[in-house]
Protein backbone atom coordinates (compact mmCIF):
# COMPACT_ATOMS: atom_id res chain seq x y z
CA MET A 1 20.04 131.14 183.38
CA ALA A 2 19.06 131.16 179.70
CA SER A 3 22.57 132.17 178.66
CA LYS A 4 24.07 129.25 180.59
CA LYS A 5 21.76 126.75 178.87
CA LEU A 6 22.65 128.24 175.50
CA LEU A 7 26.37 127.96 176.18
CA GLN A 8 25.93 124.39 177.34
CA LYS A 9 24.07 123.44 174.15
CA ARG A 10 26.79 125.04 172.01
CA ALA A 11 29.49 123.12 173.91
CA GLU A 12 27.61 119.87 173.39
CA LYS A 13 27.28 120.53 169.64
CA MET A 14 30.97 121.36 169.37
CA ALA A 15 31.97 118.17 171.23
CA ALA A 16 29.76 116.14 168.90
CA ALA A 17 31.31 117.78 165.85
CA ILE A 18 34.83 117.09 167.13
CA ALA A 19 33.95 113.47 167.80
CA GLN A 20 32.47 113.13 164.33
CA LEU A 21 35.58 114.68 162.74
CA SER A 22 37.87 112.41 164.80
CA GLY A 23 35.93 109.35 163.70
CA ALA A 24 36.12 110.43 160.08
CA GLN A 25 39.85 110.99 160.36
CA GLN A 26 40.37 107.54 161.85
CA GLY A 27 38.32 106.03 159.04
CA ILE A 28 40.39 107.82 156.43
CA GLN A 29 43.64 106.65 158.04
CA ALA A 30 42.32 103.09 158.23
CA SER A 31 41.61 103.21 154.52
CA GLY A 32 45.28 104.00 153.82
CA ILE A 33 44.95 107.73 153.11
CA ASN A 34 47.51 109.81 155.00
CA LEU A 35 46.40 113.14 156.31
CA PRO A 36 49.07 115.82 156.61
CA GLY A 37 50.67 115.99 160.05
CA GLY A 38 53.00 118.34 161.83
CA TYR A 39 56.24 116.85 160.44
CA ILE A 40 57.33 117.44 156.86
CA GLY A 41 59.37 114.22 157.00
CA GLY A 42 56.19 112.26 157.67
CA GLY A 43 54.28 113.66 154.72
CA TYR A 44 53.98 112.46 151.13
CA THR A 45 54.66 115.60 149.18
CA ASP A 46 56.52 115.49 145.88
CA ARG A 47 59.76 115.53 147.81
CA PHE A 48 58.98 112.33 149.73
CA ALA A 49 56.43 110.63 147.48
CA SER A 50 58.80 107.76 146.63
CA TRP A 51 60.19 107.34 150.15
CA LEU A 52 58.21 104.33 151.37
CA PRO A 53 60.46 102.30 153.70
CA GLY A 54 57.67 100.47 155.56
CA ILE A 55 57.65 99.39 159.19
CA ARG A 56 59.29 96.11 160.17
CA ASP A 57 60.90 94.72 163.29
CA ALA A 58 64.67 94.66 163.76
CA ASP A 59 65.09 91.27 162.06
CA GLY A 60 62.82 92.23 159.20
CA ASP A 61 64.98 95.26 158.42
CA SER A 62 68.28 93.39 158.50
CA ILE A 63 68.20 89.63 158.07
CA ARG A 64 67.11 89.43 154.43
CA ASP A 65 70.10 91.64 153.48
CA LEU A 66 72.68 89.99 155.74
CA ARG A 67 74.22 87.69 153.13
CA GLU A 68 74.92 90.51 150.67
CA LEU A 69 76.01 92.91 153.42
CA ARG A 70 78.56 90.44 154.76
CA ALA A 71 79.90 89.57 151.30
CA ARG A 72 80.19 93.21 150.23
CA SER A 73 81.66 94.29 153.55
CA ARG A 74 84.38 91.65 153.28
CA ASP A 75 85.07 92.55 149.65
CA ALA A 76 85.34 96.23 150.58
CA GLU A 77 87.76 95.38 153.39
CA ARG A 78 89.93 93.45 150.94
CA ASN A 79 89.83 95.82 147.96
CA CYS A 80 88.73 99.32 149.00
CA PRO A 81 91.48 101.30 150.74
CA ILE A 82 88.97 103.42 152.68
CA ALA A 83 87.28 100.34 154.16
CA THR A 84 90.62 98.65 154.83
CA GLY A 85 91.95 101.74 156.59
CA ALA A 86 88.78 102.20 158.66
CA ILE A 87 88.81 98.60 159.90
CA GLU A 88 92.56 98.60 160.61
CA THR A 89 92.46 101.96 162.40
CA ASP A 90 89.56 100.87 164.60
CA LEU A 91 91.27 97.55 165.37
CA THR A 92 94.59 99.25 166.15
CA TYR A 93 93.15 101.73 168.63
CA VAL A 94 90.57 99.46 170.29
CA VAL A 95 92.61 96.24 170.58
CA GLY A 96 96.15 97.16 169.58
CA THR A 97 98.58 94.71 171.13
CA GLY A 98 95.78 93.32 173.28
CA LEU A 99 93.86 94.13 176.45
CA SER A 100 95.79 93.02 179.53
CA LEU A 101 94.37 91.79 182.83
CA GLN A 102 94.78 93.81 186.01
CA SER A 103 93.13 91.92 188.86
CA ARG A 104 91.19 94.23 191.21
CA ILE A 105 89.37 92.12 193.78
CA ASN A 106 86.97 93.54 196.37
CA ALA A 107 89.27 93.12 199.37
CA ARG A 108 86.80 94.69 201.82
CA LEU A 109 84.03 92.21 200.95
CA LEU A 110 86.48 89.31 201.03
CA GLY A 111 87.96 90.38 204.38
CA LEU A 112 91.51 90.73 203.06
CA SER A 113 94.13 93.31 203.94
CA ASP A 114 95.67 95.44 201.23
CA ASP A 115 98.88 93.40 201.32
CA GLU A 116 96.99 90.12 201.09
CA ALA A 117 94.93 91.44 198.18
CA SER A 118 98.03 92.66 196.34
CA THR A 119 99.76 89.30 196.78
CA TRP A 120 96.71 87.37 195.50
CA GLN A 121 96.26 89.69 192.54
CA ALA A 122 99.90 89.43 191.51
CA GLU A 123 99.76 85.63 191.71
CA VAL A 124 96.63 85.45 189.55
CA GLU A 125 97.96 87.93 186.99
CA ASP A 126 101.17 85.94 186.60
CA ASP A 127 99.27 82.67 186.24
CA PHE A 128 96.79 84.11 183.73
CA GLU A 129 99.63 85.60 181.68
CA VAL A 130 101.16 82.13 181.23
CA TRP A 131 97.87 80.93 179.74
CA ALA A 132 97.25 84.09 177.69
CA GLN A 133 100.70 84.19 176.10
CA SER A 134 100.54 80.60 174.88
CA ASN A 135 98.82 79.48 171.69
CA LEU A 136 97.48 76.54 173.71
CA CYS A 137 94.70 78.86 174.84
CA ASP A 138 93.45 78.69 171.23
CA SER A 139 91.60 75.48 170.35
CA MET A 140 93.23 75.73 166.89
CA ARG A 141 96.70 76.13 168.50
CA GLU A 142 97.45 79.14 166.26
CA GLN A 143 97.11 82.36 168.30
CA ASN A 144 97.53 83.58 171.84
CA PHE A 145 94.76 85.30 173.80
CA TYR A 146 95.72 88.82 172.68
CA GLU A 147 95.67 87.80 169.02
CA LEU A 148 92.32 86.11 169.54
CA GLN A 149 90.94 89.42 170.79
CA GLY A 150 91.85 91.03 167.50
CA LEU A 151 90.41 88.17 165.46
CA ALA A 152 87.10 88.20 167.33
CA TYR A 153 86.79 91.99 167.13
CA ARG A 154 87.66 92.18 163.43
CA SER A 155 85.20 89.40 162.61
CA PHE A 156 82.50 91.23 164.55
CA ARG A 157 83.17 94.51 162.75
CA VAL A 158 83.32 93.05 159.24
CA SER A 159 80.55 90.43 159.50
CA GLY A 160 78.25 92.06 162.03
CA ASP A 161 78.77 89.45 164.70
CA SER A 162 81.10 86.63 165.69
CA PHE A 163 80.86 83.70 168.07
CA THR A 164 83.33 82.27 170.58
CA LEU A 165 83.20 78.74 171.95
CA LEU A 166 84.67 78.06 175.39
CA THR A 167 85.75 74.45 175.53
CA ASP A 168 87.88 72.16 177.67
CA ALA A 169 91.10 70.78 176.24
CA GLU A 170 93.36 68.24 177.88
CA VAL A 171 97.02 68.80 176.95
CA GLN A 172 99.75 66.69 178.50
CA GLY A 173 101.79 68.78 180.93
CA TRP A 174 99.56 71.83 180.48
CA PRO A 175 97.76 72.79 183.73
CA TYR A 176 94.99 74.80 182.07
CA ARG A 177 91.80 73.31 180.67
CA LEU A 178 90.09 76.29 179.04
CA SER A 179 90.52 76.86 175.30
CA VAL A 180 88.91 79.42 173.00
CA GLN A 181 87.60 78.99 169.45
CA ILE A 182 86.40 81.85 167.22
CA ILE A 183 83.49 80.95 164.91
CA GLU A 184 82.65 83.05 161.84
CA ALA A 185 79.11 84.38 161.53
CA ASP A 186 78.23 82.27 158.45
CA ARG A 187 78.60 79.02 160.37
CA ILE A 188 75.65 79.89 162.61
CA SER A 189 72.47 79.00 160.71
CA ASN A 190 69.21 77.11 161.11
CA LYS A 191 69.60 73.36 161.14
CA GLY A 192 69.07 72.06 157.62
CA TYR A 193 68.81 75.64 156.34
CA THR A 194 65.16 75.69 157.36
CA ALA A 195 63.18 78.93 157.28
CA ASP A 196 63.18 81.22 160.29
CA ASP A 197 60.37 80.84 162.82
CA VAL A 198 59.67 82.06 166.34
CA LYS A 199 61.80 79.22 167.79
CA CYS A 200 64.94 79.65 165.68
CA ILE A 201 66.14 82.71 163.74
CA GLN A 202 69.35 82.58 161.70
CA GLY A 203 70.75 79.79 163.86
CA ILE A 204 69.83 81.38 167.20
CA GLU A 205 67.52 79.18 169.26
CA LYS A 206 65.00 81.07 171.42
CA ASP A 207 62.69 80.11 174.26
CA PRO A 208 58.95 80.98 174.28
CA SER A 209 59.72 84.42 175.75
CA GLY A 210 62.09 85.23 172.88
CA ARG A 211 65.27 84.97 174.94
CA PRO A 212 68.26 83.46 173.05
CA VAL A 213 69.24 80.16 174.65
CA GLY A 214 71.64 78.52 172.18
CA VAL A 215 73.09 78.33 168.67
CA TRP A 216 73.22 75.83 165.81
CA ILE A 217 76.78 75.55 164.44
CA CYS A 218 77.77 74.09 161.06
CA ASN A 219 80.69 71.70 161.12
CA ARG A 220 82.31 73.75 158.31
CA HIS A 221 81.86 77.06 156.52
CA PRO A 222 79.06 76.84 153.92
CA GLY A 223 81.26 78.66 151.42
CA ALA A 224 84.36 76.51 151.97
CA ARG A 225 86.58 76.24 148.89
CA LEU A 226 87.45 72.60 149.46
CA ILE A 227 84.76 69.94 149.41
CA GLY A 228 84.56 68.32 152.81
CA PRO A 229 82.18 66.11 154.71
CA PRO A 230 78.44 66.76 154.46
CA ILE A 231 77.29 69.81 156.41
CA GLU A 232 75.98 68.89 159.82
CA TRP A 233 74.80 71.03 162.72
CA GLU A 234 75.62 70.86 166.41
CA TYR A 235 73.56 72.62 169.07
CA ARG A 236 75.38 74.54 171.81
CA PRO A 237 73.51 76.26 174.66
CA PHE A 238 74.82 79.66 175.68
CA TYR A 239 75.04 78.52 179.32
CA GLY A 240 75.30 75.10 180.94
CA GLU A 241 72.01 73.98 182.42
CA ALA A 242 73.48 72.44 185.57
CA THR A 243 76.41 74.76 186.28
CA GLY A 244 75.51 78.00 184.50
CA ARG A 245 78.94 77.91 182.87
CA THR A 246 79.36 80.11 179.79
CA ASN A 247 79.65 77.96 176.67
CA VAL A 248 79.20 80.45 173.81
CA LEU A 249 79.88 84.18 173.52
CA HIS A 250 77.93 86.12 170.91
CA LEU A 251 79.73 89.32 169.96
CA THR A 252 77.22 91.67 168.36
CA ARG A 253 75.85 95.18 168.74
CA LYS A 254 72.18 95.53 169.51
CA ASP A 255 70.79 98.57 167.71
CA ARG A 256 67.15 97.71 168.31
CA PRO A 257 65.17 95.60 170.82
CA SER A 258 64.74 91.93 169.88
CA GLN A 259 67.48 92.13 167.25
CA THR A 260 68.84 88.61 166.67
CA ARG A 261 71.91 89.05 164.45
CA GLY A 262 74.31 91.93 163.99
CA VAL A 263 74.86 94.10 160.92
CA PRO A 264 78.38 94.81 159.51
CA TRP A 265 79.92 98.05 160.71
CA LEU A 266 80.36 99.26 157.12
CA ALA A 267 76.72 98.61 156.14
CA PRO A 268 75.44 102.23 156.33
CA ILE A 269 78.25 103.59 154.16
CA LEU A 270 78.96 100.65 151.82
CA SER A 271 77.44 102.38 148.80
CA LYS A 272 79.44 105.57 149.41
CA ILE A 273 82.69 103.63 149.86
CA LYS A 274 82.17 101.63 146.68
CA GLN A 275 81.19 104.66 144.60
CA LEU A 276 84.15 106.67 145.84
CA ASP A 277 86.45 103.73 145.13
CA ARG A 278 85.11 103.52 141.56
CA TYR A 279 85.52 107.25 141.09
CA SER A 280 89.11 107.05 142.29
CA ASP A 281 89.87 104.19 139.88
CA ALA A 282 88.30 106.11 136.98
CA GLU A 283 90.36 109.21 137.76
CA VAL A 284 93.56 107.16 137.93
CA ASP A 285 92.77 105.45 134.61
CA ALA A 286 92.00 108.80 132.97
CA ALA A 287 95.21 110.32 134.28
CA VAL A 288 97.25 107.34 133.02
CA ASN A 289 95.69 107.49 129.56
CA SER A 290 96.23 111.25 129.47
CA ALA A 291 99.90 110.73 130.26
CA VAL A 292 100.49 108.23 127.46
CA LEU A 293 102.83 109.55 124.72
CA ALA A 294 102.52 107.89 121.31
CA VAL A 295 103.40 108.88 117.73
CA PHE A 296 100.84 108.16 115.01
CA ALA A 297 102.02 107.63 111.41
CA THR A 298 99.45 107.89 108.60
CA MET A 299 100.16 106.25 105.21
CA ASP A 300 99.23 107.87 101.87
CA PRO A 301 96.28 105.88 100.42
CA GLU A 302 97.69 105.98 96.87
CA ALA A 303 101.09 104.72 97.96
CA PHE A 304 99.44 101.98 99.98
CA ASP A 305 97.41 100.90 96.94
CA THR A 306 100.24 100.94 94.39
CA LEU A 307 103.28 99.79 96.36
CA PHE A 308 101.94 96.65 98.04
CA ASP A 309 100.26 93.53 96.79
CA ASP A 310 97.33 91.94 98.59
CA ALA A 311 99.52 89.91 100.96
CA GLY A 312 101.59 92.98 101.90
CA LYS A 313 98.49 95.06 102.44
CA GLN A 314 97.01 92.44 104.78
CA GLN A 315 100.26 92.28 106.77
CA ILE A 316 100.30 96.06 107.22
CA ILE A 317 96.66 96.06 108.31
CA SER A 318 97.29 93.34 110.92
CA SER A 319 100.38 95.15 112.20
CA ALA A 320 98.49 98.43 112.52
CA GLN A 321 95.71 96.79 114.46
CA ASN A 322 98.02 95.15 117.01
CA SER A 323 101.02 97.46 117.21
CA ALA A 324 100.04 99.50 120.27
CA ILE A 325 96.96 97.97 121.82
CA THR A 326 97.41 96.30 125.22
CA ILE A 327 95.40 93.46 126.69
CA ASP A 328 93.17 95.85 128.66
CA GLY A 329 92.49 98.06 125.63
CA GLY A 330 94.94 100.83 126.48
CA ILE A 331 97.76 102.29 124.41
CA LYS A 332 101.42 101.44 124.98
CA SER A 333 103.41 104.48 126.00
CA GLY A 334 106.24 105.56 123.69
CA LYS A 335 105.05 103.54 120.70
CA ILE A 336 104.89 104.48 117.01
CA VAL A 337 101.43 103.54 115.89
CA ASN A 338 100.76 102.89 112.20
CA LEU A 339 97.37 104.13 111.08
CA LEU A 340 95.64 102.66 108.06
CA PRO A 341 95.19 104.81 104.97
CA GLY A 342 92.49 107.39 105.53
CA GLU A 343 92.56 107.05 109.35
CA THR A 344 93.17 110.05 111.58
CA VAL A 345 93.57 110.45 115.34
CA SER A 346 90.84 112.29 117.23
CA SER A 347 91.02 112.21 121.02
CA PRO A 348 89.15 114.33 123.59
CA GLN A 349 91.04 116.50 126.04
CA PRO A 350 90.67 114.62 129.32
CA GLY A 351 91.92 117.45 131.53
CA ARG A 352 93.67 115.07 133.91
CA PRO A 353 94.75 115.11 136.64
CA ASN A 354 91.39 116.56 137.74
CA ALA A 355 91.92 119.77 139.70
CA ASN A 356 88.69 119.19 141.66
CA PHE A 357 89.49 115.61 142.62
CA ASN A 358 90.84 116.32 146.11
CA ALA A 359 87.98 118.62 147.09
CA PHE A 360 85.32 116.15 145.97
CA TRP A 361 87.16 113.21 147.54
CA ASP A 362 87.44 115.01 150.88
CA ALA A 363 83.76 115.97 150.86
CA VAL A 364 82.58 112.39 150.35
CA LEU A 365 85.18 111.03 152.79
CA LYS A 366 83.88 113.37 155.49
CA GLU A 367 80.41 111.95 154.97
CA ILE A 368 81.80 108.42 155.28
CA ALA A 369 83.68 109.40 158.45
CA MET A 370 80.46 110.68 160.02
CA GLY A 371 78.74 107.41 159.18
CA LEU A 372 81.53 105.50 160.97
CA ASN A 373 81.52 107.86 163.98
CA MET A 374 85.18 108.53 163.24
CA PRO A 375 86.76 111.98 162.84
CA TYR A 376 87.79 112.75 159.28
CA GLU A 377 91.39 113.42 160.33
CA VAL A 378 91.66 109.97 161.90
CA LEU A 379 90.04 108.14 158.99
CA ALA A 380 92.11 110.00 156.37
CA LYS A 381 95.31 109.91 158.51
CA ALA A 382 95.63 113.62 157.74
CA PHE A 383 96.52 115.80 160.73
CA ASN A 384 97.20 118.97 158.76
CA SER A 385 95.38 121.43 161.02
CA SER A 386 96.58 123.12 164.17
CA TYR A 387 97.64 121.29 167.31
CA SER A 388 94.32 122.13 168.98
CA ALA A 389 92.25 120.86 166.05
CA SER A 390 94.28 117.66 165.74
CA ARG A 391 94.07 117.01 169.46
CA ALA A 392 90.30 117.63 169.42
CA ALA A 393 89.95 115.08 166.62
CA LEU A 394 91.96 112.48 168.55
CA MET A 395 90.03 113.11 171.77
CA ASP A 396 86.74 112.71 169.91
CA ALA A 397 88.00 109.47 168.36
CA TRP A 398 89.20 108.13 171.70
CA ARG A 399 85.77 108.56 173.27
CA GLY A 400 84.49 106.09 170.70
CA TYR A 401 87.50 103.80 171.05
CA ARG A 402 87.17 103.67 174.85
CA LYS A 403 83.51 102.77 174.45
CA SER A 404 84.37 99.95 172.05
CA ARG A 405 87.24 98.81 174.28
CA ASN A 406 84.99 98.62 177.34
CA TRP A 407 82.44 96.70 175.28
CA LEU A 408 85.08 94.19 174.15
CA ALA A 409 86.38 93.80 177.69
CA ASN A 410 82.90 93.18 179.10
CA ARG A 411 81.64 90.90 176.33
CA PHE A 412 84.80 88.93 175.50
CA CYS A 413 87.75 89.31 177.88
CA GLN A 414 85.95 89.29 181.24
CA PRO A 415 83.70 86.26 180.58
CA ILE A 416 86.71 84.28 179.42
CA TYR A 417 88.69 85.34 182.50
CA VAL A 418 85.81 84.31 184.78
CA GLU A 419 85.76 80.83 183.24
CA TRP A 420 89.56 80.60 183.41
CA LEU A 421 89.53 81.58 187.09
CA SER A 422 86.70 79.14 187.80
CA ASP A 423 88.79 76.33 186.34
CA ALA A 424 91.84 77.45 188.32
CA VAL A 425 89.91 77.51 191.60
CA SER A 426 88.13 74.20 190.98
CA SER A 427 91.47 72.50 190.18
CA GLY A 428 93.03 73.89 193.36
CA ARG A 429 95.70 75.85 191.54
CA ILE A 430 94.39 79.14 193.01
CA SER A 431 92.81 79.58 196.43
CA ALA A 432 89.61 81.64 196.55
CA PRO A 433 87.46 80.70 199.58
CA GLY A 434 83.72 80.86 198.97
CA PHE A 435 84.14 81.20 195.21
CA PHE A 436 81.42 78.68 194.31
CA ASP A 437 79.23 79.26 197.36
CA ASP A 438 78.05 82.83 196.87
CA ALA A 439 77.58 84.82 193.65
CA ARG A 440 78.70 88.01 195.44
CA ILE A 441 81.89 86.38 196.67
CA LYS A 442 82.62 85.04 193.19
CA ALA A 443 82.12 88.51 191.69
CA ALA A 444 84.47 89.96 194.32
CA TRP A 445 87.20 87.49 193.38
CA CYS A 446 86.67 88.11 189.66
CA GLY A 447 86.99 91.91 189.79
CA SER A 448 89.37 93.21 187.14
CA ILE A 449 90.44 96.06 184.89
CA TRP A 450 91.33 95.50 181.23
CA SER A 451 93.83 98.01 179.95
CA GLY A 452 95.25 98.45 176.48
CA ASP A 453 97.56 100.66 174.47
CA GLY A 454 97.33 104.39 175.13
CA PRO A 455 96.54 107.08 172.57
CA GLY A 456 100.08 108.47 172.50
CA ALA A 457 100.75 112.20 172.53
CA LEU A 458 100.88 114.94 169.91
CA ASP A 459 103.01 117.08 172.21
CA PRO A 460 104.56 114.88 174.95
CA THR A 461 105.77 117.85 176.99
CA LYS A 462 102.35 119.48 177.20
CA GLU A 463 100.57 116.22 177.91
CA ALA A 464 103.02 115.20 180.65
CA SER A 465 102.65 118.63 182.28
CA ALA A 466 98.86 118.33 182.13
CA ALA A 467 99.00 114.87 183.73
CA GLU A 468 101.25 116.18 186.49
CA ASN A 469 98.82 119.00 187.21
CA ARG A 470 95.84 116.65 187.31
CA ILE A 471 97.62 114.47 189.86
CA ARG A 472 98.71 117.49 191.92
CA ILE A 473 95.21 118.94 192.34
CA GLY A 474 93.61 115.54 192.87
CA LEU A 475 91.65 115.10 189.64
CA THR A 476 93.37 111.79 188.94
CA THR A 477 95.94 109.51 190.53
CA LEU A 478 99.26 108.22 189.22
CA PRO A 479 97.85 104.70 188.60
CA GLU A 480 95.01 106.19 186.56
CA GLU A 481 97.39 108.30 184.48
CA ILE A 482 99.61 105.28 183.79
CA VAL A 483 96.63 103.24 182.57
CA ALA A 484 95.48 106.12 180.35
CA TYR A 485 98.97 106.68 178.95
CA ASP A 486 99.99 103.18 177.91
CA GLY A 487 97.75 100.75 179.75
CA GLY A 488 100.52 99.79 182.16
CA ASP A 489 100.31 98.60 185.75
CA TRP A 490 101.34 101.13 188.39
CA GLU A 491 102.62 98.54 190.86
CA THR A 492 104.88 96.95 188.27
CA LYS A 493 106.23 100.31 187.13
CA HIS A 494 106.74 101.44 190.73
CA ARG A 495 108.75 98.36 191.69
CA GLU A 496 110.83 98.61 188.53
CA SER A 497 111.46 102.34 189.01
CA ALA A 498 112.56 101.78 192.62
CA ARG A 499 114.93 98.98 191.58
CA VAL A 500 116.46 101.04 188.78
CA HIS A 501 116.89 104.06 191.07
CA ASP A 502 118.63 102.01 193.77
CA GLU A 503 121.01 100.45 191.24
CA ARG A 504 121.85 103.83 189.69
CA VAL A 505 122.52 105.33 193.15
CA GLU A 506 124.71 102.37 194.02
CA ALA A 507 126.65 102.80 190.77
CA GLY A 508 127.12 106.52 191.40
CA LEU A 509 125.06 107.51 188.35
CA GLU A 510 122.35 109.21 190.38
CA ALA A 511 122.19 111.09 193.65
CA PRO A 512 120.17 109.59 196.52
CA VAL A 513 116.76 111.11 197.23
CA MET A 514 117.11 113.84 199.87
CA ALA A 515 114.52 114.22 202.61
CA PRO A 516 113.81 117.64 204.20
CA MET A 517 115.09 118.23 207.77
CA ALA A 518 113.53 120.25 210.54
CA ASN A 519 116.21 122.94 210.31
CA GLY A 520 115.53 123.46 206.59
CA GLY A 521 118.38 121.27 205.34
CA GLN A 522 118.19 117.96 203.55
CA ALA A 523 119.36 114.50 204.46
CA PRO A 524 119.48 111.23 202.54
CA MET A 525 116.35 109.11 202.88
CA PRO A 526 116.79 106.32 205.46
CA ALA A 527 117.60 102.84 204.24
CA GLU A 528 114.98 100.10 204.36
CA ASP A 529 116.80 98.42 207.28
CA PRO A 530 116.64 100.72 210.35
CA GLY A 531 119.79 99.13 211.69
CA GLU A 532 121.71 100.46 208.69
CA ASP A 533 120.57 104.08 208.86
CA PRO A 534 123.53 106.11 207.55
CA MET A 535 122.43 109.19 209.49
CA GLU A 536 122.32 107.50 212.91
CA ASP A 537 124.77 109.31 215.24
CA PRO A 538 126.54 106.93 217.64
CA ALA A 539 127.25 109.86 219.96
CA GLU A 540 123.51 110.22 220.58
CA ASP A 541 122.82 106.53 221.22
CA PRO A 542 122.49 106.00 225.02
CA ALA A 543 122.37 102.24 224.54
CA ASP A 544 125.93 102.15 223.19
CA PRO A 545 128.25 101.23 226.13
CA MET A 546 131.28 102.22 224.07
CA ASN A 547 130.21 105.84 223.81
CA ASP A 548 130.34 108.44 226.58
CA GLY A 549 128.25 110.89 224.64
CA ASP A 550 131.16 112.90 223.30
CA PRO A 551 131.43 112.44 219.54
CA GLY A 552 135.04 113.57 219.61
CA GLU A 553 136.25 111.14 222.27
CA GLY A 554 135.55 107.42 222.35
CA THR A 555 136.39 105.00 225.14
CA ASP A 556 139.22 102.59 224.47
CA PRO A 557 138.28 99.08 225.65
CA THR A 558 141.89 98.47 226.69
CA GLU A 559 141.62 101.21 229.33
CA LEU A 560 138.64 99.63 231.16
CA ASP A 561 139.30 98.04 234.53
């Protein structure tokens, strides 16, 4: 019994000591003194003593730098080949020639047969293509829908976000009302350039819960070259209050909760890109200067002093100073340069071209590629490894491109298509029963797939064989493989292939497709019209009154009684 009481007292003392230590530790932390923890990266040793980033919300970490990030990102896109190539490569693979609509309605929910669904889908695709191919879909009347996709995506990548206005436009003889306008990020700002507050941050109006509800749009770019009317702001809600119609699309990537504005894609690697660009320029300048060939002539000081008067001496001095110097301070190649008396030429050995340039360039470029989530081979356009390594790089890149393509389809293409289809149904141009009565029915009518250019093939034979095997064992279907290959539509390709085959057979350029027979032989496939079956044997047709069943002997009508 005594031992139990002793153990209990010891436990109580230990608990009190732990509580006292915990309280002391909390007091020390509250005073700003950091105690060492379990992570080296969280400590303040000599290695990390100057690493003091602070803790801020998403807007606090980004908004105060947005102006410089946008300006530098755009400058890098214009003047740094690495940035230009990265943006163009991403745009080419994600958007390419544009994402095309393939209507895929929920026929089961809508109570339609497969044939009825196919007919409706084909009608809508044809009608949408008329609108998408015309520059009348652009409120500026400059680009078609596929070009607008590229503009919106590029603006989002370079500036961090972009905005799209969906407006109505009445054009004489044009049956479509919807038009699209791309707005650059700089035009979205607080009215009157007022400071950010909880109600409005960088031009994004928010409700008391913090949900974005609308934007303030300048009537012109604040950095416009030409002086225009005074800057005014117009408020646009994201969605119509009465109808719920989409008015504004905000293309941005949310990296953190409650983030209001987007950050340029190049932001994490801007410093590396600029430094590598400067290094490249310096190496080129050094190599050019090293390659310059000039002859230097030195005059004897005594001859200079005795042969020329003061005017002649001054003329020689001026000529020597200007004979080979260019505007940018370099030396003209192939020139004879007169040196003044007593002057000699002393130049360091530059050792250019630099033998280590390529290795250093590749090392930094690989770091940049990682920051962009882009394989080095794709960013550098250098597929110098084996087929397997090059294919692995392209497959890795395409995972990112498919992700970006799906994002663009969901955030840009599909909302615009929904509004286009809503206008078409409300105007009576397209029939979609129940479209405005039930949100589920509307979603069923608006189902779609957005397909774009395919990745191509490093070895077309191998890739075609792999696709054939996938179809054969049921991993994929022919429509899926067609979409993955070039973004095409299976139904369109099937109809066209059938037409071409029939015409080639009719012209004698191709043999008809042979169908297997029960006895192991083959016979031509039957024609579409059963009455014109070329394999039908009149001798076996009991309904033919002119045939007695013997294929070798027919009945002559003139011999009938």
